[in-house]
PDB file of N, CA and C in Angstrom:
ATOM      1  N   MET A   1     -31.049  40.606 -25.412  1.00  0.00           N
ATOM      2  CA  MET A   1     -31.011  39.605 -25.222  1.00  0.00           C
ATOM      3  C   MET A   1     -29.220  38.590 -25.488  1.00  0.00           C
ATOM      4  N   LEU A   2     -28.594  39.471 -25.526  1.00  0.00           N
ATOM      5  CA  LEU A   2     -27.609  39.031 -25.863  1.00  0.00           C
ATOM      6  C   LEU A   2     -26.683  39.462 -25.059  1.00  0.00           C
ATOM      7  N   ALA A   3     -27.027  39.603 -23.634  1.00  0.00           N
ATOM      8  CA  ALA A   3     -25.959  39.872 -22.858  1.00  0.00           C
ATOM      9  C   ALA A   3     -27.039  38.680 -21.569  1.00  0.00           C
ATOM     10  N   LEU A   4     -28.415  38.360 -22.003  1.00  0.00           N
ATOM     11  CA  LEU A   4     -28.211  37.459 -21.323  1.00  0.00           C
ATOM     12  C   LEU A   4     -28.233  35.897 -21.600  1.00  0.00           C
ATOM     13  N   LEU A   5     -28.086  36.285 -23.333  1.00  0.00           N
ATOM     14  CA  LEU A   5     -27.472  34.879 -23.328  1.00  0.00           C
ATOM     15  C   LEU A   5     -25.439  34.271 -23.129  1.00  0.00           C
ATOM     16  N   ILE A   6     -25.281  35.456 -23.357  1.00  0.00           N
ATOM     17  CA  ILE A   6     -23.527  35.632 -22.909  1.00  0.00           C
ATOM     18  C   ILE A   6     -23.293  35.424 -21.599  1.00  0.00           C
ATOM     19  N   TRP A   7     -24.511  35.677 -20.030  1.00  0.00           N
ATOM     20  CA  TRP A   7     -24.122  35.642 -19.605  1.00  0.00           C
ATOM     21  C   TRP A   7     -24.722  33.869 -18.989  1.00  0.00           C
ATOM     22  N   ALA A   8     -26.009  33.686 -19.665  1.00  0.00           N
ATOM     23  CA  ALA A   8     -26.752  31.717 -19.287  1.00  0.00           C
ATOM     24  C   ALA A   8     -24.967  31.004 -19.908  1.00  0.00           C
ATOM     25  N   GLY A   9     -24.331  31.382 -21.031  1.00  0.00           N
ATOM     26  CA  GLY A   9     -23.602  29.893 -21.078  1.00  0.00           C
ATOM     27  C   GLY A   9     -22.206  30.970 -20.563  1.00  0.00           C
ATOM     28  N   LEU A  10     -22.207  31.486 -19.663  1.00  0.00           N
ATOM     29  CA  LEU A  10     -20.795  31.932 -19.205  1.00  0.00           C
ATOM     30  C   LEU A  10     -21.500  30.932 -17.462  1.00  0.00           C
ATOM     31  N   SER A  11     -22.585  31.255 -17.536  1.00  0.00           N
ATOM     32  CA  SER A  11     -22.404  30.368 -16.059  1.00  0.00           C
ATOM     33  C   SER A  11     -23.086  28.523 -16.799  1.00  0.00           C
ATOM     34  N   GLY A  12     -23.488  28.005 -17.876  1.00  0.00           N
ATOM     35  CA  GLY A  12     -22.188  27.082 -17.377  1.00  0.00           C
ATOM     36  C   GLY A  12     -21.676  26.399 -17.652  1.00  0.00           C
ATOM     37  N   LEU A  13     -20.391  27.094 -18.556  1.00  0.00           N
ATOM     38  CA  LEU A  13     -19.081  27.272 -18.124  1.00  0.00           C
ATOM     39  C   LEU A  13     -18.897  26.769 -17.191  1.00  0.00           C
ATOM     40  N   ILE A  14     -18.771  27.661 -16.843  1.00  0.00           N
ATOM     41  CA  ILE A  14     -18.895  28.176 -14.943  1.00  0.00           C
ATOM     42  C   ILE A  14     -19.458  26.456 -13.507  1.00  0.00           C
ATOM     43  N   THR A  15     -19.731  26.331 -14.916  1.00  0.00           N
ATOM     44  CA  THR A  15     -20.845  25.212 -13.346  1.00  0.00           C
ATOM     45  C   THR A  15     -20.057  23.401 -14.312  1.00  0.00           C
ATOM     46  N   VAL A  16     -19.771  23.169 -15.785  1.00  0.00           N
ATOM     47  CA  VAL A  16     -19.825  22.159 -16.106  1.00  0.00           C
ATOM     48  C   VAL A  16     -18.125  22.230 -14.931  1.00  0.00           C
ATOM     49  N   GLY A  17     -17.183  23.414 -15.769  1.00  0.00           N
ATOM     50  CA  GLY A  17     -16.237  23.673 -14.344  1.00  0.00           C
ATOM     51  C   GLY A  17     -16.001  23.280 -13.197  1.00  0.00           C
ATOM     52  N   VAL A  18     -16.317  23.118 -12.895  1.00  0.00           N
ATOM     53  CA  VAL A  18     -16.785  23.571 -11.355  1.00  0.00           C
ATOM     54  C   VAL A  18     -17.212  21.634 -11.295  1.00  0.00           C
ATOM     55  N   GLY A  19     -18.198  21.524 -12.388  1.00  0.00           N
ATOM     56  CA  GLY A  19     -18.531  19.469 -12.003  1.00  0.00           C
ATOM     57  C   GLY A  19     -17.260  18.768 -12.356  1.00  0.00           C
ATOM     58  N   ALA A  20     -16.537  19.511 -13.400  1.00  0.00           N
ATOM     59  CA  ALA A  20     -15.686  18.541 -13.673  1.00  0.00           C
ATOM     60  C   ALA A  20     -14.219  19.280 -11.986  1.00  0.00           C
ATOM     61  N   ALA A  21     -14.005  19.585 -12.022  1.00  0.00           N
ATOM     62  CA  ALA A  21     -13.239  19.639 -11.001  1.00  0.00           C
ATOM     63  C   ALA A  21     -13.739  18.965  -9.990  1.00  0.00           C
ATOM     64  N   ILE A  22     -15.078  19.172  -9.830  1.00  0.00           N
ATOM     65  CA  ILE A  22     -15.888  17.382  -8.265  1.00  0.00           C
ATOM     66  C   ILE A  22     -14.702  16.288  -8.392  1.00  0.00           C
ATOM     67  N   VAL A  23     -15.185  16.081  -9.974  1.00  0.00           N
ATOM     68  CA  VAL A  23     -14.982  14.624 -10.511  1.00  0.00           C
ATOM     69  C   VAL A  23     -13.453  13.941 -10.330  1.00  0.00           C
ATOM     70  N   VAL A  24     -12.802  15.657 -11.105  1.00  0.00           N
ATOM     71  CA  VAL A  24     -11.445  15.553 -10.230  1.00  0.00           C
ATOM     72  C   VAL A  24     -10.799  15.138  -9.453  1.00  0.00           C
ATOM     73  N   VAL A  25     -11.440  16.292  -8.492  1.00  0.00           N
ATOM     74  CA  VAL A  25     -10.687  15.109  -6.599  1.00  0.00           C
ATOM     75  C   VAL A  25     -11.572  14.693  -5.960  1.00  0.00           C
ATOM     76  N   ASN A  26     -12.048  14.221  -6.983  1.00  0.00           N
ATOM     77  CA  ASN A  26     -13.088  13.107  -6.316  1.00  0.00           C
ATOM     78  C   ASN A  26     -12.265  12.227  -6.098  1.00  0.00           C
ATOM     79  N   ARG A  27     -12.374  11.324  -7.073  1.00  0.00           N
ATOM     80  CA  ARG A  27     -11.312  10.402  -8.224  1.00  0.00           C
ATOM     81  C   ARG A  27     -10.037  10.612  -7.354  1.00  0.00           C
ATOM     82  N   ARG A  28      -9.361  11.657  -7.464  1.00  0.00           N
ATOM     83  CA  ARG A  28      -7.912  11.711  -6.738  1.00  0.00           C
ATOM     84  C   ARG A  28      -8.341  11.345  -5.616  1.00  0.00           C
ATOM     85  N   ARG A  29      -9.234  11.454  -4.554  1.00  0.00           N
ATOM     86  CA  ARG A  29      -9.144  11.169  -3.170  1.00  0.00           C
ATOM     87  C   ARG A  29      -9.029   9.646  -2.676  1.00  0.00           C
ATOM     88  N   ASP A  30      -9.918   9.300  -3.752  1.00  0.00           N
ATOM     89  CA  ASP A  30     -10.578   7.958  -4.046  1.00  0.00           C
ATOM     90  C   ASP A  30      -9.532   7.516  -4.294  1.00  0.00           C
ATOM     91  N   ARG A  31      -8.046   7.734  -4.920  1.00  0.00           N
ATOM     92  CA  ARG A  31      -6.838   6.914  -5.875  1.00  0.00           C
ATOM     93  C   ARG A  31      -6.100   7.595  -4.162  1.00  0.00           C
ATOM     94  N   GLU A  32      -6.222   7.790  -3.810  1.00  0.00           N
ATOM     95  CA  GLU A  32      -5.203   8.478  -2.656  1.00  0.00           C
ATOM     96  C   GLU A  32      -5.230   7.315  -1.706  1.00  0.00           C
ATOM     97  N   SER A  33      -6.699   6.706  -1.377  1.00  0.00           N
ATOM     98  CA  SER A  33      -6.981   6.514   0.021  1.00  0.00           C
ATOM     99  C   SER A  33      -7.029   4.934   0.288  1.00  0.00           C
ATOM    100  N   LEU A  34      -7.081   4.654  -1.602  1.00  0.00           N
ATOM    101  CA  LEU A  34      -6.910   3.282  -2.061  1.00  0.00           C
ATOM    102  C   LEU A  34      -5.026   2.690  -2.670  1.00  0.00           C
ATOM    103  N   GLU A  35      -3.969   4.439  -2.551  1.00  0.00           N
ATOM    104  CA  GLU A  35      -2.330   3.879  -1.941  1.00  0.00           C
ATOM    105  C   GLU A  35      -2.273   3.852  -1.158  1.00  0.00           C
ATOM    106  N   LEU A  36      -2.888   3.496   0.136  1.00  0.00           N
ATOM    107  CA  LEU A  36      -2.732   4.577   1.378  1.00  0.00           C
ATOM    108  C   LEU A  36      -2.702   2.852   2.036  1.00  0.00           C
ATOM    109  N   ALA A  37      -4.213   2.345   1.328  1.00  0.00           N
ATOM    110  CA  ALA A  37      -4.677   0.867   2.228  1.00  0.00           C
ATOM    111  C   ALA A  37      -2.999  -0.176   1.721  1.00  0.00           C
ATOM    112  N   LEU A  38      -3.331   0.533   0.181  1.00  0.00           N
ATOM    113  CA  LEU A  38      -2.076  -0.391  -0.432  1.00  0.00           C
ATOM    114  C   LEU A  38      -0.446  -0.468   0.407  1.00  0.00           C
ATOM    115  N   LEU A  39      -0.031   0.415   1.038  1.00  0.00           N
ATOM    116  CA  LEU A  39       0.365   0.526   1.525  1.00  0.00           C
ATOM    117  C   LEU A  39       1.156   0.383   2.331  1.00  0.00           C
ATOM    118  N   GLU A  40      -0.530   0.072   3.061  1.00  0.00           N
ATOM    119  CA  GLU A  40       0.027  -0.368   4.852  1.00  0.00           C
ATOM    120  C   GLU A  40      -0.518  -1.193   4.860  1.00  0.00           C
ATOM    121  N   ASP A  41      -1.419  -2.553   3.932  1.00  0.00           N
ATOM    122  CA  ASP A  41      -1.222  -3.518   3.483  1.00  0.00           C
ATOM    123  C   ASP A  41       0.328  -4.296   3.393  1.00  0.00           C
ATOM    124  N   VAL A  42       1.645  -3.262   2.608  1.00  0.00           N
ATOM    125  CA  VAL A  42       2.673  -3.752   2.291  1.00  0.00           C
ATOM    126  C   VAL A  42       3.752  -3.997   3.410  1.00  0.00           C
ATOM    127  N   ALA A  43       3.044  -2.989   4.250  1.00  0.00           N
ATOM    128  CA  ALA A  43       4.293  -2.536   5.575  1.00  0.00           C
ATOM    129  C   ALA A  43       4.177  -4.165   6.798  1.00  0.00           C
ATOM    130  N   ASP A  44       2.138  -3.838   6.431  1.00  0.00           N
ATOM    131  CA  ASP A  44       1.993  -5.283   7.290  1.00  0.00           C
ATOM    132  C   ASP A  44       2.650  -6.786   6.748  1.00  0.00           C
ATOM    133  N   ARG A  45       2.767  -7.069   5.848  1.00  0.00           N
ATOM    134  CA  ARG A  45       3.479  -7.785   5.129  1.00  0.00           C
ATOM    135  C   ARG A  45       4.436  -8.504   5.127  1.00  0.00           C
ATOM    136  N   ILE A  46       5.411  -6.909   4.623  1.00  0.00           N
ATOM    137  CA  ILE A  46       7.046  -7.071   5.182  1.00  0.00           C
ATOM    138  C   ILE A  46       6.938  -7.199   6.894  1.00  0.00           C
ATOM    139  N   GLU A  47       6.347  -6.415   7.393  1.00  0.00           N
ATOM    140  CA  GLU A  47       6.315  -6.700   9.026  1.00  0.00           C
ATOM    141  C   GLU A  47       6.299  -8.407   9.489  1.00  0.00           C
ATOM    142  N   ALA A  48       5.315  -9.153   8.963  1.00  0.00           N
ATOM    143  CA  ALA A  48       4.531 -11.060   8.993  1.00  0.00           C
ATOM    144  C   ALA A  48       5.682 -11.644   8.822  1.00  0.00           C
ATOM    145  N   LEU A  49       6.885 -11.062   6.927  1.00  0.00           N
ATOM    146  CA  LEU A  49       7.469 -11.748   6.383  1.00  0.00           C
ATOM    147  C   LEU A  49       9.803 -11.408   6.952  1.00  0.00           C
ATOM    148  N   GLU A  50       9.825 -10.712   8.665  1.00  0.00           N
ATOM    149  CA  GLU A  50      10.938 -10.689   8.939  1.00  0.00           C
ATOM    150  C   GLU A  50      10.316 -10.901  10.299  1.00  0.00           C
ATOM    151  N   ASP A  51       9.863 -11.372  10.451  1.00  0.00           N
ATOM    152  CA  ASP A  51       8.885 -11.652  11.743  1.00  0.00           C
ATOM    153  C   ASP A  51       9.416 -13.154  11.714  1.00  0.00           C
ATOM    154  N   VAL A  52       9.053 -13.937  10.379  1.00  0.00           N
ATOM    155  CA  VAL A  52       9.343 -15.370   9.603  1.00  0.00           C
ATOM    156  C   VAL A  52      10.762 -15.346   9.886  1.00  0.00           C
ATOM    157  N   ASP A  53      11.673 -15.206   8.885  1.00  0.00           N
ATOM    158  CA  ASP A  53      13.053 -15.020   8.874  1.00  0.00           C
ATOM    159  C   ASP A  53      14.090 -14.543  10.524  1.00  0.00           C
ATOM    160  N   VAL A  54      12.812 -14.317  11.418  1.00  0.00           N
ATOM    161  CA  VAL A  54      13.431 -14.050  13.006  1.00  0.00           C
ATOM    162  C   VAL A  54      13.323 -15.753  13.480  1.00  0.00           C
ATOM    163  N   ARG A  55      12.493 -15.909  13.471  1.00  0.00           N
ATOM    164  CA  ARG A  55      11.631 -18.268  13.776  1.00  0.00           C
ATOM    165  C   ARG A  55      12.666 -18.871  12.933  1.00  0.00           C
ATOM    166  N   LEU A  56      12.902 -18.448  11.692  1.00  0.00           N
ATOM    167  CA  LEU A  56      13.956 -19.177  10.725  1.00  0.00           C
ATOM    168  C   LEU A  56      14.547 -18.816  11.255  1.00  0.00           C
ATOM    169  N   ASP A  57      15.669 -18.139  10.981  1.00  0.00           N
ATOM    170  CA  ASP A  57      16.899 -17.759  12.476  1.00  0.00           C
ATOM    171  C   ASP A  57      17.105 -18.946  13.624  1.00  0.00           C
ATOM    172  N   ARG A  58      16.577 -18.308  14.016  1.00  0.00           N
ATOM    173  CA  ARG A  58      16.095 -19.672  15.653  1.00  0.00           C
ATOM    174  C   ARG A  58      16.111 -20.953  15.386  1.00  0.00           C
ATOM    175  N   LEU A  59      15.285 -21.671  14.350  1.00  0.00           N
ATOM    176  CA  LEU A  59      15.122 -22.591  13.855  1.00  0.00           C
ATOM    177  C   LEU A  59      16.349 -23.427  13.625  1.00  0.00           C
ATOM    178  N   THR A  60      17.143 -22.297  12.708  1.00  0.00           N
ATOM    179  CA  THR A  60      18.380 -23.508  12.424  1.00  0.00           C
ATOM    180  C   THR A  60      18.921 -23.015  12.622  1.00  0.00           C
ATOM    181  N   GLU A  61      19.496 -21.948  14.049  1.00  0.00           N
ATOM    182  CA  GLU A  61      20.282 -22.132  15.382  1.00  0.00           C
ATOM    183  C   GLU A  61      20.282 -23.268  16.003  1.00  0.00           C
ATOM    184  N   ARG A  62      19.032 -23.659  16.435  1.00  0.00           N
ATOM    185  CA  ARG A  62      18.352 -24.518  17.026  1.00  0.00           C
ATOM    186  C   ARG A  62      18.817 -25.540  16.109  1.00  0.00           C
ATOM    187  N   LEU A  63      19.013 -25.898  14.641  1.00  0.00           N
ATOM    188  CA  LEU A  63      18.680 -27.466  13.783  1.00  0.00           C
ATOM    189  C   LEU A  63      20.006 -27.034  14.135  1.00  0.00           C
ATOM    190  N   ASP A  64      20.644 -26.578  14.267  1.00  0.00           N
ATOM    191  CA  ASP A  64      22.113 -27.242  14.304  1.00  0.00           C
ATOM    192  C   ASP A  64      22.715 -27.092  15.297  1.00  0.00           C
ATOM    193  N   VAL A  65      22.135 -26.647  16.468  1.00  0.00           N
ATOM    194  CA  VAL A  65      22.798 -27.086  17.435  1.00  0.00           C
ATOM    195  C   VAL A  65      22.375 -29.036  17.299  1.00  0.00           C
ATOM    196  N   ALA A  66      21.483 -29.173  17.487  1.00  0.00           N
ATOM    197  CA  ALA A  66      20.318 -30.714  16.879  1.00  0.00           C
ATOM    198  C   ALA A  66      21.164 -31.722  16.791  1.00  0.00           C
ATOM    199  N   GLU A  67      21.805 -31.054  15.348  1.00  0.00           N
ATOM    200  CA  GLU A  67      22.498 -31.694  14.197  1.00  0.00           C
ATOM    201  C   GLU A  67      24.683 -32.554  15.112  1.00  0.00           C
ATOM    202  N   ARG A  68      24.541 -31.154  15.829  1.00  0.00           N
ATOM    203  CA  ARG A  68      26.585 -31.489  16.434  1.00  0.00           C
ATOM    204  C   ARG A  68      25.581 -31.805  17.510  1.00  0.00           C
ATOM    205  N   ALA A  69      25.295 -32.100  18.904  1.00  0.00           N
ATOM    206  CA  ALA A  69      24.850 -33.477  19.300  1.00  0.00           C
ATOM    207  C   ALA A  69      24.153 -34.208  18.896  1.00  0.00           C
ATOM    208  N   LEU A  70      24.015 -34.915  17.818  1.00  0.00           N
ATOM    209  CA  LEU A  70      23.078 -35.813  17.550  1.00  0.00           C
ATOM    210  C   LEU A  70      24.437 -36.155  16.243  1.00  0.00           C
ATOM    211  N   ARG A  71      25.461 -35.468  15.383  1.00  0.00           N
ATOM    212  CA  ARG A  71      26.561 -36.834  15.862  1.00  0.00           C
ATOM    213  C   ARG A  71      27.682 -37.178  16.292  1.00  0.00           C
ATOM    214  N   PRO A  72      27.573 -38.466  15.745  1.00  0.00           N
ATOM    215  CA  PRO A  72      29.016 -39.230  16.446  1.00  0.00           C
ATOM    216  C   PRO A  72      30.084 -38.718  16.565  1.00  0.00           C
ATOM    217  N   PRO A  73      30.666 -38.874  17.579  1.00  0.00           N
ATOM    218  CA  PRO A  73      32.110 -38.518  17.951  1.00  0.00           C
ATOM    219  C   PRO A  73      33.442 -38.269  17.458  1.00  0.00           C
ATOM    220  N   SER A  74      34.133 -37.989  16.611  1.00  0.00           N
ATOM    221  CA  SER A  74      34.920 -38.563  16.193  1.00  0.00           C
ATOM    222  C   SER A  74      36.165 -38.842  16.625  1.00  0.00           C
ATOM    223  N   ARG A  75      36.383 -40.319  16.015  1.00  0.00           N
ATOM    224  CA  ARG A  75      37.327 -40.778  16.393  1.00  0.00           C
ATOM    225  C   ARG A  75      38.699 -40.358  15.680  1.00  0.00           C
ATOM    226  N   SER A  76      39.435 -40.121  17.109  1.00  0.00           N
ATOM    227  CA  SER A  76      41.371 -39.358  16.511  1.00  0.00           C
ATOM    228  C   SER A  76      42.025 -39.869  17.127  1.00  0.00           C
TER     229      SER A  76
END
């Protein structure tokens, strides 16, 4: 009888331990997939900002050329 109680207790303990391990692993996987999605989003945003920076540089150059072209000639 005592052996049966010990066996049942150990079986329950193992079952609870395995269940807890499954929960922990699933949460870790969910967190890792969320972090990966966030990293991809950040990478996309950085790429978009770099494109905006390149375009802004080009527009700045064009504005400088237009300002020089519209500037009245200096009298020497």
